[in-house]
Each structure stands twice: as C-alpha cells, then as structure tokens.
Amino acid sequence: MISRALARDTIDACYRGFLGDEAVDWFIGSGASDAHVRSHLERGGVHCLIQDGRIIGFSILDGPRST
C-alpha cells in the first residue's frame, strides 16, 4: 500500500508548479490529497515503482490514455 507520507511528499513536490503553494498546502492539510490517492487506487491508474519489495514512488494517470 502507498504510504500517506509518500503520497503527500510526491504531491508537495510535483503539484506546486501548476496549483501554487496555497492550493497545495490546503490540498495536503485538508485531507483531500489522501482522498485523491485513495479514489485512484480504487479505480486504477496508479503505477508504483518498487525497489527491494518497497514502494519508493508512484504516479497517478488521470484522463484518457491508450492501451
């Protein structure tokens, strides 16, 4: 399972460029980031990078994609 800390760190590092500091701080602080990741885990579209049996990174694919 993806840890909340990893998800929050990823969102903190990657979302600021397009959402801005205030929005990212709210997104993480309100719990909305946890709900966002949880909803994608339930629907699919989450890809994990695993090293030595541990998840060390992940990406969420949202929107249309070819198979």
PDB file of N, CA and C in Angstrom:
ATOM      1  N   MET A   1       0.848  -1.184   0.000  1.00  0.00           N
ATOM      2  CA  MET A   1       0.000   0.000   0.000  1.00  0.00           C
ATOM      3  C   MET A   1       0.891   1.244   0.000  1.00  0.00           C
ATOM      4  N   ILE A   2       0.472   2.236  -0.746  1.00  0.00           N
ATOM      5  CA  ILE A   2       1.201   3.503  -0.803  1.00  0.00           C
ATOM      6  C   ILE A   2       1.040   4.217   0.533  1.00  0.00           C
ATOM      7  N   SER A   3       2.140   4.639   1.120  1.00  0.00           N
ATOM      8  CA  SER A   3       2.051   5.331   2.399  1.00  0.00           C
ATOM      9  C   SER A   3       1.530   6.757   2.187  1.00  0.00           C
ATOM     10  N   ARG A   4       0.826   7.245   3.177  1.00  0.00           N
ATOM     11  CA  ARG A   4       0.340   8.627   3.103  1.00  0.00           C
ATOM     12  C   ARG A   4       1.496   9.605   3.008  1.00  0.00           C
ATOM     13  N   ALA A   5       2.591   9.316   3.724  1.00  0.00           N
ATOM     14  CA  ALA A   5       3.751  10.217   3.698  1.00  0.00           C
ATOM     15  C   ALA A   5       4.336  10.288   2.294  1.00  0.00           C
ATOM     16  N   LEU A   6       4.468   9.151   1.615  1.00  0.00           N
ATOM     17  CA  LEU A   6       4.991   9.150   0.247  1.00  0.00           C
ATOM     18  C   LEU A   6       4.061   9.923  -0.675  1.00  0.00           C
ATOM     19  N   ALA A   7       2.759   9.705  -0.543  1.00  0.00           N
ATOM     20  CA  ALA A   7       1.792  10.414  -1.382  1.00  0.00           C
ATOM     21  C   ALA A   7       1.851  11.921  -1.126  1.00  0.00           C
ATOM     22  N   ARG A   8       1.882  12.301   0.127  1.00  0.00           N
ATOM     23  CA  ARG A   8       1.937  13.732   0.461  1.00  0.00           C
ATOM     24  C   ARG A   8       3.238  14.371  -0.019  1.00  0.00           C
ATOM     25  N   ASP A   9       4.359  13.668   0.154  1.00  0.00           N
ATOM     26  CA  ASP A   9       5.644  14.194  -0.322  1.00  0.00           C
ATOM     27  C   ASP A   9       5.647  14.357  -1.842  1.00  0.00           C
ATOM     28  N   THR A  10       5.064  13.397  -2.548  1.00  0.00           N
ATOM     29  CA  THR A  10       5.000  13.460  -4.005  1.00  0.00           C
ATOM     30  C   THR A  10       4.132  14.634  -4.453  1.00  0.00           C
ATOM     31  N   ILE A  11       2.973  14.777  -3.848  1.00  0.00           N
ATOM     32  CA  ILE A  11       2.076  15.888  -4.180  1.00  0.00           C
ATOM     33  C   ILE A  11       2.749  17.220  -3.861  1.00  0.00           C
ATOM     34  N   ASP A  12       3.403  17.282  -2.699  1.00  0.00           N
ATOM     35  CA  ASP A  12       4.101  18.506  -2.300  1.00  0.00           C
ATOM     36  C   ASP A  12       5.166  18.895  -3.326  1.00  0.00           C
ATOM     37  N   ALA A  13       5.904  17.927  -3.809  1.00  0.00           N
ATOM     38  CA  ALA A  13       6.994  18.212  -4.745  1.00  0.00           C
ATOM     39  C   ALA A  13       6.523  18.453  -6.177  1.00  0.00           C
ATOM     40  N   CYS A  14       5.439  17.818  -6.582  1.00  0.00           N
ATOM     41  CA  CYS A  14       5.068  17.829  -8.001  1.00  0.00           C
ATOM     42  C   CYS A  14       3.886  18.733  -8.356  1.00  0.00           C
ATOM     43  N   TYR A  15       3.033  19.065  -7.421  1.00  0.00           N
ATOM     44  CA  TYR A  15       1.811  19.809  -7.747  1.00  0.00           C
ATOM     45  C   TYR A  15       1.957  21.326  -7.608  1.00  0.00           C
ATOM     46  N   ARG A  16       2.972  21.775  -6.892  1.00  0.00           N
ATOM     47  CA  ARG A  16       3.112  23.215  -6.645  1.00  0.00           C
ATOM     48  C   ARG A  16       3.255  24.018  -7.935  1.00  0.00           C
ATOM     49  N   GLY A  17       3.920  23.452  -8.924  1.00  0.00           N
ATOM     50  CA  GLY A  17       4.157  24.162 -10.182  1.00  0.00           C
ATOM     51  C   GLY A  17       2.892  24.540 -10.921  1.00  0.00           C
ATOM     52  N   PHE A  18       1.843  23.750 -10.786  1.00  0.00           N
ATOM     53  CA  PHE A  18       0.607  24.084 -11.502  1.00  0.00           C
ATOM     54  C   PHE A  18      -0.556  24.454 -10.590  1.00  0.00           C
ATOM     55  N   LEU A  19      -0.477  24.133  -9.291  1.00  0.00           N
ATOM     56  CA  LEU A  19      -1.549  24.534  -8.370  1.00  0.00           C
ATOM     57  C   LEU A  19      -1.176  25.740  -7.520  1.00  0.00           C
ATOM     58  N   GLY A  20       0.123  25.924  -7.257  1.00  0.00           N
ATOM     59  CA  GLY A  20       0.568  27.010  -6.391  1.00  0.00           C
ATOM     60  C   GLY A  20       0.661  26.554  -4.945  1.00  0.00           C
ATOM     61  N   ASP A  21       1.413  27.316  -4.161  1.00  0.00           N
ATOM     62  CA  ASP A  21       1.683  26.939  -2.770  1.00  0.00           C
ATOM     63  C   ASP A  21       0.431  26.873  -1.912  1.00  0.00           C
ATOM     64  N   GLU A  22      -0.406  27.893  -1.987  1.00  0.00           N
ATOM     65  CA  GLU A  22      -1.591  27.934  -1.127  1.00  0.00           C
ATOM     66  C   GLU A  22      -2.518  26.746  -1.387  1.00  0.00           C
ATOM     67  N   ALA A  23      -2.749  26.436  -2.658  1.00  0.00           N
ATOM     68  CA  ALA A  23      -3.636  25.332  -3.009  1.00  0.00           C
ATOM     69  C   ALA A  23      -3.050  23.984  -2.566  1.00  0.00           C
ATOM     70  N   VAL A  24      -1.752  23.796  -2.744  1.00  0.00           N
ATOM     71  CA  VAL A  24      -1.121  22.531  -2.345  1.00  0.00           C
ATOM     72  C   VAL A  24      -1.143  22.393  -0.827  1.00  0.00           C
ATOM     73  N   ASP A  25      -0.852  23.461  -0.115  1.00  0.00           N
ATOM     74  CA  ASP A  25      -0.901  23.411   1.345  1.00  0.00           C
ATOM     75  C   ASP A  25      -2.301  23.032   1.815  1.00  0.00           C
ATOM     76  N   TRP A  26      -3.336  23.606   1.201  1.00  0.00           N
ATOM     77  CA  TRP A  26      -4.707  23.257   1.552  1.00  0.00           C
ATOM     78  C   TRP A  26      -4.994  21.806   1.189  1.00  0.00           C
ATOM     79  N   PHE A  27      -4.616  21.386  -0.021  1.00  0.00           N
ATOM     80  CA  PHE A  27      -4.890  20.042  -0.530  1.00  0.00           C
ATOM     81  C   PHE A  27      -4.324  18.985   0.409  1.00  0.00           C
ATOM     82  N   ILE A  28      -3.104  19.193   0.876  1.00  0.00           N
ATOM     83  CA  ILE A  28      -2.478  18.236   1.789  1.00  0.00           C
ATOM     84  C   ILE A  28      -3.066  18.371   3.192  1.00  0.00           C
ATOM     85  N   GLY A  29      -3.165  19.584   3.685  1.00  0.00           N
ATOM     86  CA  GLY A  29      -3.623  19.822   5.055  1.00  0.00           C
ATOM     87  C   GLY A  29      -5.069  19.441   5.323  1.00  0.00           C
ATOM     88  N   SER A  30      -5.915  19.504   4.302  1.00  0.00           N
ATOM     89  CA  SER A  30      -7.341  19.220   4.489  1.00  0.00           C
ATOM     90  C   SER A  30      -7.668  17.735   4.430  1.00  0.00           C
ATOM     91  N   GLY A  31      -6.720  16.932   3.967  1.00  0.00           N
ATOM     92  CA  GLY A  31      -7.002  15.512   3.779  1.00  0.00           C
ATOM     93  C   GLY A  31      -7.482  15.182   2.375  1.00  0.00           C
ATOM     94  N   ALA A  32      -7.671  16.211   1.554  1.00  0.00           N
ATOM     95  CA  ALA A  32      -8.138  15.986   0.183  1.00  0.00           C
ATOM     96  C   ALA A  32      -7.119  15.184  -0.623  1.00  0.00           C
ATOM     97  N   SER A  33      -5.825  15.355  -0.323  1.00  0.00           N
ATOM     98  CA  SER A  33      -4.802  14.585  -1.050  1.00  0.00           C
ATOM     99  C   SER A  33      -4.936  13.094  -0.750  1.00  0.00           C
ATOM    100  N   ASP A  34      -5.240  12.749   0.499  1.00  0.00           N
ATOM    101  CA  ASP A  34      -5.435  11.342   0.859  1.00  0.00           C
ATOM    102  C   ASP A  34      -6.640  10.767   0.117  1.00  0.00           C
ATOM    103  N   ALA A  35      -7.723  11.536   0.048  1.00  0.00           N
ATOM    104  CA  ALA A  35      -8.923  11.082  -0.666  1.00  0.00           C
ATOM    105  C   ALA A  35      -8.647  10.941  -2.162  1.00  0.00           C
ATOM    106  N   HIS A  36      -7.859  11.853  -2.716  1.00  0.00           N
ATOM    107  CA  HIS A  36      -7.495  11.819  -4.142  1.00  0.00           C
ATOM    108  C   HIS A  36      -6.744  10.525  -4.464  1.00  0.00           C
ATOM    109  N   VAL A  37      -5.743  10.213  -3.682  1.00  0.00           N
ATOM    110  CA  VAL A  37      -4.954   8.998  -3.916  1.00  0.00           C
ATOM    111  C   VAL A  37      -5.827   7.764  -3.706  1.00  0.00           C
ATOM    112  N   ARG A  38      -6.606   7.753  -2.636  1.00  0.00           N
ATOM    113  CA  ARG A  38      -7.484   6.613  -2.347  1.00  0.00           C
ATOM    114  C   ARG A  38      -8.460   6.362  -3.490  1.00  0.00           C
ATOM    115  N   SER A  39      -9.040   7.433  -4.057  1.00  0.00           N
ATOM    116  CA  SER A  39     -10.011   7.250  -5.144  1.00  0.00           C
ATOM    117  C   SER A  39      -9.343   6.654  -6.377  1.00  0.00           C
ATOM    118  N   HIS A  40      -8.104   7.057  -6.658  1.00  0.00           N
ATOM    119  CA  HIS A  40      -7.393   6.494  -7.810  1.00  0.00           C
ATOM    120  C   HIS A  40      -6.966   5.052  -7.552  1.00  0.00           C
ATOM    121  N   LEU A  41      -6.621   4.715  -6.330  1.00  0.00           N
ATOM    122  CA  LEU A  41      -6.305   3.326  -6.009  1.00  0.00           C
ATOM    123  C   LEU A  41      -7.522   2.439  -6.227  1.00  0.00           C
ATOM    124  N   GLU A  42      -8.709   2.947  -5.891  1.00  0.00           N
ATOM    125  CA  GLU A  42      -9.933   2.177  -6.063  1.00  0.00           C
ATOM    126  C   GLU A  42     -10.302   2.006  -7.536  1.00  0.00           C
ATOM    127  N   ARG A  43     -10.034   3.016  -8.369  1.00  0.00           N
ATOM    128  CA  ARG A  43     -10.398   2.988  -9.790  1.00  0.00           C
ATOM    129  C   ARG A  43      -9.321   2.395 -10.684  1.00  0.00           C
ATOM    130  N   GLY A  44      -8.092   2.418 -10.249  1.00  0.00           N
ATOM    131  CA  GLY A  44      -6.971   2.008 -11.092  1.00  0.00           C
ATOM    132  C   GLY A  44      -6.254   3.246 -11.599  1.00  0.00           C
ATOM    133  N   GLY A  45      -5.233   3.037 -12.393  1.00  0.00           N
ATOM    134  CA  GLY A  45      -4.467   4.158 -12.928  1.00  0.00           C
ATOM    135  C   GLY A  45      -3.313   4.588 -12.055  1.00  0.00           C
ATOM    136  N   VAL A  46      -3.013   3.809 -11.007  1.00  0.00           N
ATOM    137  CA  VAL A  46      -1.868   4.099 -10.155  1.00  0.00           C
ATOM    138  C   VAL A  46      -0.766   3.108 -10.506  1.00  0.00           C
ATOM    139  N   HIS A  47       0.400   3.636 -10.803  1.00  0.00           N
ATOM    140  CA  HIS A  47       1.552   2.801 -11.133  1.00  0.00           C
ATOM    141  C   HIS A  47       2.635   3.043 -10.092  1.00  0.00           C
ATOM    142  N   CYS A  48       3.192   1.959  -9.562  1.00  0.00           N
ATOM    143  CA  CYS A  48       4.162   2.057  -8.477  1.00  0.00           C
ATOM    144  C   CYS A  48       5.555   1.662  -8.941  1.00  0.00           C
ATOM    145  N   LEU A  49       6.539   2.333  -8.380  1.00  0.00           N
ATOM    146  CA  LEU A  49       7.940   1.989  -8.568  1.00  0.00           C
ATOM    147  C   LEU A  49       8.367   1.243  -7.307  1.00  0.00           C
ATOM    148  N   ILE A  50       8.781   0.012  -7.498  1.00  0.00           N
ATOM    149  CA  ILE A  50       9.118  -0.853  -6.359  1.00  0.00           C
ATOM    150  C   ILE A  50      10.603  -1.198  -6.408  1.00  0.00           C
ATOM    151  N   GLN A  51      11.237  -1.062  -5.258  1.00  0.00           N
ATOM    152  CA  GLN A  51      12.649  -1.432  -5.127  1.00  0.00           C
ATOM    153  C   GLN A  51      12.802  -2.232  -3.842  1.00  0.00           C
ATOM    154  N   ASP A  52      13.417  -3.380  -3.951  1.00  0.00           N
ATOM    155  CA  ASP A  52      13.621  -4.251  -2.779  1.00  0.00           C
ATOM    156  C   ASP A  52      12.314  -4.516  -2.034  1.00  0.00           C
ATOM    157  N   GLY A  53      11.222  -4.696  -2.799  1.00  0.00           N
ATOM    158  CA  GLY A  53       9.935  -5.012  -2.202  1.00  0.00           C
ATOM    159  C   GLY A  53       9.205  -3.845  -1.572  1.00  0.00           C
ATOM    160  N   ARG A  54       9.739  -2.630  -1.707  1.00  0.00           N
ATOM    161  CA  ARG A  54       9.104  -1.433  -1.118  1.00  0.00           C
ATOM    162  C   ARG A  54       8.681  -0.478  -2.216  1.00  0.00           C
ATOM    163  N   ILE A  55       7.552   0.161  -2.043  1.00  0.00           N
ATOM    164  CA  ILE A  55       7.122   1.207  -2.970  1.00  0.00           C
ATOM    165  C   ILE A  55       7.934   2.454  -2.662  1.00  0.00           C
ATOM    166  N   ILE A  56       8.680   2.922  -3.669  1.00  0.00           N
ATOM    167  CA  ILE A  56       9.516   4.106  -3.470  1.00  0.00           C
ATOM    168  C   ILE A  56       9.047   5.284  -4.318  1.00  0.00           C
ATOM    169  N   GLY A  57       8.056   5.058  -5.147  1.00  0.00           N
ATOM    170  CA  GLY A  57       7.499   6.128  -5.972  1.00  0.00           C
ATOM    171  C   GLY A  57       6.236   5.648  -6.641  1.00  0.00           C
ATOM    172  N   PHE A  58       5.438   6.591  -7.100  1.00  0.00           N
ATOM    173  CA  PHE A  58       4.223   6.228  -7.808  1.00  0.00           C
ATOM    174  C   PHE A  58       3.776   7.373  -8.692  1.00  0.00           C
ATOM    175  N   SER A  59       2.921   7.039  -9.643  1.00  0.00           N
ATOM    176  CA  SER A  59       2.299   8.057 -10.482  1.00  0.00           C
ATOM    177  C   SER A  59       0.823   7.712 -10.612  1.00  0.00           C
ATOM    178  N   ILE A  60       0.028   8.749 -10.769  1.00  0.00           N
ATOM    179  CA  ILE A  60      -1.407   8.582 -10.985  1.00  0.00           C
ATOM    180  C   ILE A  60      -1.696   9.087 -12.393  1.00  0.00           C
ATOM    181  N   LEU A  61      -2.279   8.226 -13.197  1.00  0.00           N
ATOM    182  CA  LEU A  61      -2.689   8.599 -14.543  1.00  0.00           C
ATOM    183  C   LEU A  61      -4.168   8.901 -14.518  1.00  0.00           C
ATOM    184  N   ASP A  62      -4.518  10.104 -14.944  1.00  0.00           N
ATOM    185  CA  ASP A  62      -5.914  10.541 -14.900  1.00  0.00           C
ATOM    186  C   ASP A  62      -6.293  11.033 -16.278  1.00  0.00           C
ATOM    187  N   GLY A  63      -7.430  10.618 -16.753  1.00  0.00           N
ATOM    188  CA  GLY A  63      -7.889  11.050 -18.065  1.00  0.00           C
ATOM    189  C   GLY A  63      -7.651   9.985 -19.116  1.00  0.00           C
ATOM    190  N   PRO A  64      -7.960  10.301 -20.344  1.00  0.00           N
ATOM    191  CA  PRO A  64      -7.855   9.301 -21.416  1.00  0.00           C
ATOM    192  C   PRO A  64      -6.407   8.854 -21.635  1.00  0.00           C
ATOM    193  N   ARG A  65      -6.263   7.589 -21.910  1.00  0.00           N
ATOM    194  CA  ARG A  65      -4.958   7.045 -22.264  1.00  0.00           C
ATOM    195  C   ARG A  65      -5.174   5.839 -23.178  1.00  0.00           C
ATOM    196  N   SER A  66      -4.256   5.628 -24.058  1.00  0.00           N
ATOM    197  CA  SER A  66      -4.382   4.487 -24.956  1.00  0.00           C
ATOM    198  C   SER A  66      -3.823   3.247 -24.287  1.00  0.00           C
ATOM    199  N   THR A  67      -4.316   2.093 -24.693  1.00  0.00           N
ATOM    200  CA  THR A  67      -3.846   0.838 -24.081  1.00  0.00           C
ATOM    201  C   THR A  67      -2.978   0.071 -25.025  1.00  0.00           C
TER     202      THR A  67
END
